[in-house]
Amino acid sequence: MIGLYFYYLKSLRLLANTTIISESSDKSRIIAKIFYLLQF
């Protein structure tokens, strides 16, 4: 169960990084920032 939780966080981080790299618009940056903040 804990491993699944960490996998979920890793997926969010990957999604955030991908969003930052592929899109430079303000909306995608805000979404990525929210995903990043939710990890902590």
PDB file of N, CA and C in Angstrom:
ATOM      1  N   MET A   1       0.835  -1.203   0.000  1.00  0.00           N
ATOM      2  CA  MET A   1       0.000   0.000   0.000  1.00  0.00           C
ATOM      3  C   MET A   1       0.874   1.259   0.000  1.00  0.00           C
ATOM      4  N   ILE A   2       1.923   1.248   0.799  1.00  0.00           N
ATOM      5  CA  ILE A   2       2.834   2.399   0.839  1.00  0.00           C
ATOM      6  C   ILE A   2       3.553   2.549  -0.505  1.00  0.00           C
ATOM      7  N   GLY A   3       3.928   1.406  -1.104  1.00  0.00           N
ATOM      8  CA  GLY A   3       4.591   1.443  -2.404  1.00  0.00           C
ATOM      9  C   GLY A   3       3.693   2.062  -3.462  1.00  0.00           C
ATOM     10  N   LEU A   4       2.403   1.748  -3.389  1.00  0.00           N
ATOM     11  CA  LEU A   4       1.440   2.304  -4.339  1.00  0.00           C
ATOM     12  C   LEU A   4       1.339   3.813  -4.169  1.00  0.00           C
ATOM     13  N   TYR A   5       1.411   4.265  -2.916  1.00  0.00           N
ATOM     14  CA  TYR A   5       1.345   5.698  -2.618  1.00  0.00           C
ATOM     15  C   TYR A   5       2.547   6.433  -3.212  1.00  0.00           C
ATOM     16  N   PHE A   6       3.739   5.834  -3.042  1.00  0.00           N
ATOM     17  CA  PHE A   6       4.938   6.456  -3.590  1.00  0.00           C
ATOM     18  C   PHE A   6       4.907   6.453  -5.115  1.00  0.00           C
ATOM     19  N   TYR A   7       4.346   5.378  -5.700  1.00  0.00           N
ATOM     20  CA  TYR A   7       4.220   5.304  -7.152  1.00  0.00           C
ATOM     21  C   TYR A   7       3.305   6.417  -7.651  1.00  0.00           C
ATOM     22  N   TYR A   8       2.239   6.689  -6.878  1.00  0.00           N
ATOM     23  CA  TYR A   8       1.295   7.755  -7.216  1.00  0.00           C
ATOM     24  C   TYR A   8       1.994   9.116  -7.197  1.00  0.00           C
ATOM     25  N   LEU A   9       2.814   9.348  -6.175  1.00  0.00           N
ATOM     26  CA  LEU A   9       3.546  10.617  -6.080  1.00  0.00           C
ATOM     27  C   LEU A   9       4.538  10.756  -7.226  1.00  0.00           C
ATOM     28  N   LYS A  10       5.211   9.646  -7.567  1.00  0.00           N
ATOM     29  CA  LYS A  10       6.178   9.673  -8.656  1.00  0.00           C
ATOM     30  C   LYS A  10       5.478   9.993  -9.976  1.00  0.00           C
ATOM     31  N   SER A  11       4.276   9.442 -10.155  1.00  0.00           N
ATOM     32  CA  SER A  11       3.503   9.704 -11.371  1.00  0.00           C
ATOM     33  C   SER A  11       3.114  11.176 -11.449  1.00  0.00           C
ATOM     34  N   LEU A  12       2.719  11.757 -10.309  1.00  0.00           N
ATOM     35  CA  LEU A  12       2.359  13.176 -10.277  1.00  0.00           C
ATOM     36  C   LEU A  12       3.560  14.043 -10.614  1.00  0.00           C
ATOM     37  N   ARG A  13       4.726  13.671 -10.059  1.00  0.00           N
ATOM     38  CA  ARG A  13       5.937  14.447 -10.310  1.00  0.00           C
ATOM     39  C   ARG A  13       6.310  14.370 -11.792  1.00  0.00           C
ATOM     40  N   LEU A  14       6.188  13.163 -12.360  1.00  0.00           N
ATOM     41  CA  LEU A  14       6.499  12.982 -13.774  1.00  0.00           C
ATOM     42  C   LEU A  14       5.541  13.796 -14.634  1.00  0.00           C
ATOM     43  N   LEU A  15       4.264  13.779 -14.263  1.00  0.00           N
ATOM     44  CA  LEU A  15       3.253  14.547 -14.994  1.00  0.00           C
ATOM     45  C   LEU A  15       3.549  16.040 -14.921  1.00  0.00           C
ATOM     46  N   ALA A  16       3.937  16.499 -13.746  1.00  0.00           N
ATOM     47  CA  ALA A  16       4.252  17.914 -13.558  1.00  0.00           C
ATOM     48  C   ALA A  16       5.462  18.313 -14.398  1.00  0.00           C
ATOM     49  N   ASN A  17       6.507  17.484 -14.365  1.00  0.00           N
ATOM     50  CA  ASN A  17       7.714  17.777 -15.138  1.00  0.00           C
ATOM     51  C   ASN A  17       7.417  17.790 -16.627  1.00  0.00           C
ATOM     52  N   THR A  18       6.619  16.821 -17.084  1.00  0.00           N
ATOM     53  CA  THR A  18       6.265  16.742 -18.498  1.00  0.00           C
ATOM     54  C   THR A  18       5.464  17.965 -18.921  1.00  0.00           C
ATOM     55  N   THR A  19       4.563  18.397 -18.049  1.00  0.00           N
ATOM     56  CA  THR A  19       3.731  19.564 -18.351  1.00  0.00           C
ATOM     57  C   THR A  19       4.587  20.820 -18.465  1.00  0.00           C
ATOM     58  N   ILE A  20       5.552  20.958 -17.569  1.00  0.00           N
ATOM     59  CA  ILE A  20       6.431  22.131 -17.584  1.00  0.00           C
ATOM     60  C   ILE A  20       7.271  22.156 -18.863  1.00  0.00           C
ATOM     61  N   ILE A  21       7.767  20.979 -19.263  1.00  0.00           N
ATOM     62  CA  ILE A  21       8.638  20.897 -20.434  1.00  0.00           C
ATOM     63  C   ILE A  21       7.859  21.122 -21.735  1.00  0.00           C
ATOM     64  N   SER A  22       6.699  20.477 -21.862  1.00  0.00           N
ATOM     65  CA  SER A  22       5.968  20.502 -23.128  1.00  0.00           C
ATOM     66  C   SER A  22       5.126  21.764 -23.312  1.00  0.00           C
ATOM     67  N   GLU A  23       4.663  22.330 -22.216  1.00  0.00           N
ATOM     68  CA  GLU A  23       3.796  23.513 -22.316  1.00  0.00           C
ATOM     69  C   GLU A  23       4.388  24.661 -21.507  1.00  0.00           C
ATOM     70  N   SER A  24       4.421  25.835 -22.103  1.00  0.00           N
ATOM     71  CA  SER A  24       4.969  26.992 -21.385  1.00  0.00           C
ATOM     72  C   SER A  24       3.872  27.977 -21.009  1.00  0.00           C
ATOM     73  N   SER A  25       2.613  27.581 -21.233  1.00  0.00           N
ATOM     74  CA  SER A  25       1.503  28.476 -20.913  1.00  0.00           C
ATOM     75  C   SER A  25       1.310  28.584 -19.407  1.00  0.00           C
ATOM     76  N   ASP A  26       0.674  29.644 -18.970  1.00  0.00           N
ATOM     77  CA  ASP A  26       0.483  29.889 -17.538  1.00  0.00           C
ATOM     78  C   ASP A  26      -0.392  28.825 -16.892  1.00  0.00           C
ATOM     79  N   LYS A  27      -1.426  28.379 -17.607  1.00  0.00           N
ATOM     80  CA  LYS A  27      -2.352  27.407 -17.023  1.00  0.00           C
ATOM     81  C   LYS A  27      -1.639  26.097 -16.692  1.00  0.00           C
ATOM     82  N   SER A  28      -0.839  25.581 -17.626  1.00  0.00           N
ATOM     83  CA  SER A  28      -0.153  24.316 -17.391  1.00  0.00           C
ATOM     84  C   SER A  28       0.888  24.458 -16.286  1.00  0.00           C
ATOM     85  N   ARG A  29       1.496  25.643 -16.201  1.00  0.00           N
ATOM     86  CA  ARG A  29       2.485  25.875 -15.144  1.00  0.00           C
ATOM     87  C   ARG A  29       1.812  25.867 -13.773  1.00  0.00           C
ATOM     88  N   ILE A  30       0.628  26.456 -13.696  1.00  0.00           N
ATOM     89  CA  ILE A  30      -0.119  26.478 -12.434  1.00  0.00           C
ATOM     90  C   ILE A  30      -0.521  25.064 -12.032  1.00  0.00           C
ATOM     91  N   ILE A  31      -0.991  24.279 -13.007  1.00  0.00           N
ATOM     92  CA  ILE A  31      -1.391  22.894 -12.734  1.00  0.00           C
ATOM     93  C   ILE A  31      -0.200  22.087 -12.228  1.00  0.00           C
ATOM     94  N   ALA A  32       0.939  22.257 -12.888  1.00  0.00           N
ATOM     95  CA  ALA A  32       2.140  21.531 -12.487  1.00  0.00           C
ATOM     96  C   ALA A  32       2.574  21.933 -11.083  1.00  0.00           C
ATOM     97  N   LYS A  33       2.446  23.215 -10.777  1.00  0.00           N
ATOM     98  CA  LYS A  33       2.834  23.709  -9.452  1.00  0.00           C
ATOM     99  C   LYS A  33       1.927  23.131  -8.376  1.00  0.00           C
ATOM    100  N   ILE A  34       0.629  23.022  -8.687  1.00  0.00           N
ATOM    101  CA  ILE A  34      -0.321  22.436  -7.735  1.00  0.00           C
ATOM    102  C   ILE A  34       0.035  20.977  -7.473  1.00  0.00           C
ATOM    103  N   PHE A  35       0.325  20.224  -8.553  1.00  0.00           N
ATOM    104  CA  PHE A  35       0.711  18.823  -8.396  1.00  0.00           C
ATOM    105  C   PHE A  35       1.956  18.707  -7.521  1.00  0.00           C
ATOM    106  N   TYR A  36       2.915  19.621  -7.752  1.00  0.00           N
ATOM    107  CA  TYR A  36       4.164  19.588  -6.999  1.00  0.00           C
ATOM    108  C   TYR A  36       3.920  19.878  -5.521  1.00  0.00           C
ATOM    109  N   LEU A  37       3.074  20.871  -5.243  1.00  0.00           N
ATOM    110  CA  LEU A  37       2.793  21.244  -3.855  1.00  0.00           C
ATOM    111  C   LEU A  37       2.014  20.158  -3.121  1.00  0.00           C
ATOM    112  N   LEU A  38       1.172  19.424  -3.845  1.00  0.00           N
ATOM    113  CA  LEU A  38       0.356  18.382  -3.220  1.00  0.00           C
ATOM    114  C   LEU A  38       1.201  17.216  -2.713  1.00  0.00           C
ATOM    115  N   GLN A  39       2.436  17.125  -3.185  1.00  0.00           N
ATOM    116  CA  GLN A  39       3.297  16.022  -2.766  1.00  0.00           C
ATOM    117  C   GLN A  39       3.762  16.187  -1.323  1.00  0.00           C
ATOM    118  N   PHE A  40       3.767  17.414  -0.817  1.00  0.00           N
ATOM    119  CA  PHE A  40       4.318  17.662   0.517  1.00  0.00           C
ATOM    120  C   PHE A  40       3.251  17.931   1.565  1.00  0.00           C
TER     121      PHE A  40
END
